[in-house]
Every structure is written in C-alpha cells, then in structure tokens.
C-alpha cells in the first residue's frame, strides 16, 4: 500500500485543483482523488470462502458429497 500520508495529501491537492478546473477536467480529477483515497482504504473485503478440511480419507469422501451419503 502506498504511504498513507502521501495519498491523503495528493487527494486533497487534486480536489483543490478540481475546484478550479473546467467540468471535463474536474470530473477526471475527482476520479483521481477517489483512487488515491481508495489506496489508503485498501482493497475491498473479498467474499468469504468455504473451507473444508479432511483429516482422513473417510472424511474426505464424506465431504465430497453434500449430504454425506454417496449417490447410488
């Protein structure tokens, strides 16, 4: 992650520049400031993954099927 103080400082400066820019440039500068702030916040949380661990081959076989019973 980039240095937090640097990203916050650049986001403030870019927002200040955007306040004095034409509409097209303002939109792009504000998007850039958002990216700097997102870098400080870090990546969004990922969806949790199901973790299945098996300690024996029997457990592995049972976990392979959703109801614990082999289909016939």
C-alpha atoms as a PDB file:
ATOM      1  CA  UNK A   1       0.000   0.000   0.000  1.00  0.00           C
ATOM      2  CA  UNK A   2       1.337   3.435  -0.823  1.00  0.00           C
ATOM      3  CA  UNK A   3       2.246   5.757   2.018  1.00  0.00           C
ATOM      4  CA  UNK A   4      -0.996   6.852   3.692  1.00  0.00           C
ATOM      5  CA  UNK A   5       0.045  10.474   4.274  1.00  0.00           C
ATOM      6  CA  UNK A   6       1.206  10.848   0.676  1.00  0.00           C
ATOM      7  CA  UNK A   7      -2.085   9.524  -0.713  1.00  0.00           C
ATOM      8  CA  UNK A   8      -4.181  11.727   1.561  1.00  0.00           C
ATOM      9  CA  UNK A   9      -2.086  14.780   0.667  1.00  0.00           C
ATOM     10  CA  UNK A  10      -2.358  14.106  -3.053  1.00  0.00           C
ATOM     11  CA  UNK A  11      -6.105  13.534  -2.810  1.00  0.00           C
ATOM     12  CA  UNK A  12      -6.520  16.925  -1.096  1.00  0.00           C
ATOM     13  CA  UNK A  13      -4.359  18.658  -3.685  1.00  0.00           C
ATOM     14  CA  UNK A  14      -6.168  17.035  -6.608  1.00  0.00           C
ATOM     15  CA  UNK A  15      -9.568  18.010  -5.116  1.00  0.00           C
ATOM     16  CA  UNK A  16      -8.312  21.579  -4.742  1.00  0.00           C
ATOM     17  CA  UNK A  17      -7.248  21.632  -8.393  1.00  0.00           C
ATOM     18  CA  UNK A  18     -10.615  20.157  -9.391  1.00  0.00           C
ATOM     19  CA  UNK A  19     -12.445  23.001  -7.689  1.00  0.00           C
ATOM     20  CA  UNK A  20     -10.834  25.416 -10.158  1.00  0.00           C
ATOM     21  CA  UNK A  21     -10.999  23.252 -13.287  1.00  0.00           C
ATOM     22  CA  UNK A  22     -13.429  23.071 -16.194  1.00  0.00           C
ATOM     23  CA  UNK A  23     -16.206  20.449 -15.890  1.00  0.00           C
ATOM     24  CA  UNK A  24     -14.464  17.794 -18.020  1.00  0.00           C
ATOM     25  CA  UNK A  25     -11.161  18.082 -16.147  1.00  0.00           C
ATOM     26  CA  UNK A  26     -12.947  18.364 -12.775  1.00  0.00           C
ATOM     27  CA  UNK A  27     -14.642  15.000 -13.331  1.00  0.00           C
ATOM     28  CA  UNK A  28     -11.326  13.323 -14.138  1.00  0.00           C
ATOM     29  CA  UNK A  29      -9.510  14.965 -11.217  1.00  0.00           C
ATOM     30  CA  UNK A  30     -12.224  13.930  -8.763  1.00  0.00           C
ATOM     31  CA  UNK A  31     -11.978  10.359 -10.048  1.00  0.00           C
ATOM     32  CA  UNK A  32      -8.216  10.510  -9.481  1.00  0.00           C
ATOM     33  CA  UNK A  33      -8.730  11.789  -5.934  1.00  0.00           C
ATOM     34  CA  UNK A  34     -11.123   8.895  -5.302  1.00  0.00           C
ATOM     35  CA  UNK A  35      -8.442   6.441  -6.438  1.00  0.00           C
ATOM     36  CA  UNK A  36      -5.910   7.989  -4.046  1.00  0.00           C
ATOM     37  CA  UNK A  37      -8.396   7.655  -1.184  1.00  0.00           C
ATOM     38  CA  UNK A  38      -9.184   4.064  -2.164  1.00  0.00           C
ATOM     39  CA  UNK A  39      -5.471   3.259  -1.988  1.00  0.00           C
ATOM     40  CA  UNK A  40      -5.463   4.414   1.638  1.00  0.00           C
ATOM     41  CA  UNK A  41      -8.584   2.406   2.471  1.00  0.00           C
ATOM     42  CA  UNK A  42      -7.116  -0.768   0.974  1.00  0.00           C
ATOM     43  CA  UNK A  43      -8.805  -3.384  -1.168  1.00  0.00           C
ATOM     44  CA  UNK A  44     -12.465  -4.145  -0.552  1.00  0.00           C
ATOM     45  CA  UNK A  45     -13.185  -7.202   1.550  1.00  0.00           C
ATOM     46  CA  UNK A  46     -13.488 -10.328  -0.517  1.00  0.00           C
ATOM     47  CA  UNK A  47     -16.392 -12.686  -0.091  1.00  0.00           C
ATOM     48  CA  UNK A  48     -15.590 -15.392   2.435  1.00  0.00           C
ATOM     49  CA  UNK A  49     -14.610 -18.758   1.021  1.00  0.00           C
ATOM     50  CA  UNK A  50     -15.853 -22.030   2.395  1.00  0.00           C
ATOM     51  CA  UNK A  51     -13.009 -24.059   3.823  1.00  0.00           C
ATOM     52  CA  UNK A  52     -13.324 -27.819   4.009  1.00  0.00           C
ATOM     53  CA  UNK A  53     -10.567 -29.789   5.639  1.00  0.00           C
ATOM     54  CA  UNK A  54     -10.377 -33.544   5.828  1.00  0.00           C
ATOM     55  CA  UNK A  55      -8.293 -35.404   8.355  1.00  0.00           C
ATOM     56  CA  UNK A  56      -8.860 -38.902   6.966  1.00  0.00           C
ATOM     57  CA  UNK A  57      -9.761 -40.369   3.598  1.00  0.00           C
ATOM     58  CA  UNK A  58     -13.187 -41.228   5.053  1.00  0.00           C
ATOM     59  CA  UNK A  59     -13.747 -37.560   5.971  1.00  0.00           C
ATOM     60  CA  UNK A  60     -12.627 -36.518   2.501  1.00  0.00           C
ATOM     61  CA  UNK A  61     -15.093 -38.921   0.897  1.00  0.00           C
ATOM     62  CA  UNK A  62     -17.924 -37.727   3.172  1.00  0.00           C
ATOM     63  CA  UNK A  63     -17.154 -34.036   2.468  1.00  0.00           C
ATOM     64  CA  UNK A  64     -17.205 -34.691  -1.263  1.00  0.00           C
ATOM     65  CA  UNK A  65     -20.974 -35.214  -1.166  1.00  0.00           C
ATOM     66  CA  UNK A  66     -23.282 -32.533   0.152  1.00  0.00           C
ATOM     67  CA  UNK A  67     -25.378 -34.771   2.400  1.00  0.00           C
ATOM     68  CA  UNK A  68     -22.579 -37.144   3.446  1.00  0.00           C
ATOM     69  CA  UNK A  69     -24.139 -40.039   1.519  1.00  0.00           C
ATOM     70  CA  UNK A  70     -22.768 -41.498  -1.689  1.00  0.00           C
ATOM     71  CA  UNK A  71     -25.196 -41.343  -4.595  1.00  0.00           C
ATOM     72  CA  UNK A  72     -26.282 -44.783  -5.839  1.00  0.00           C
END
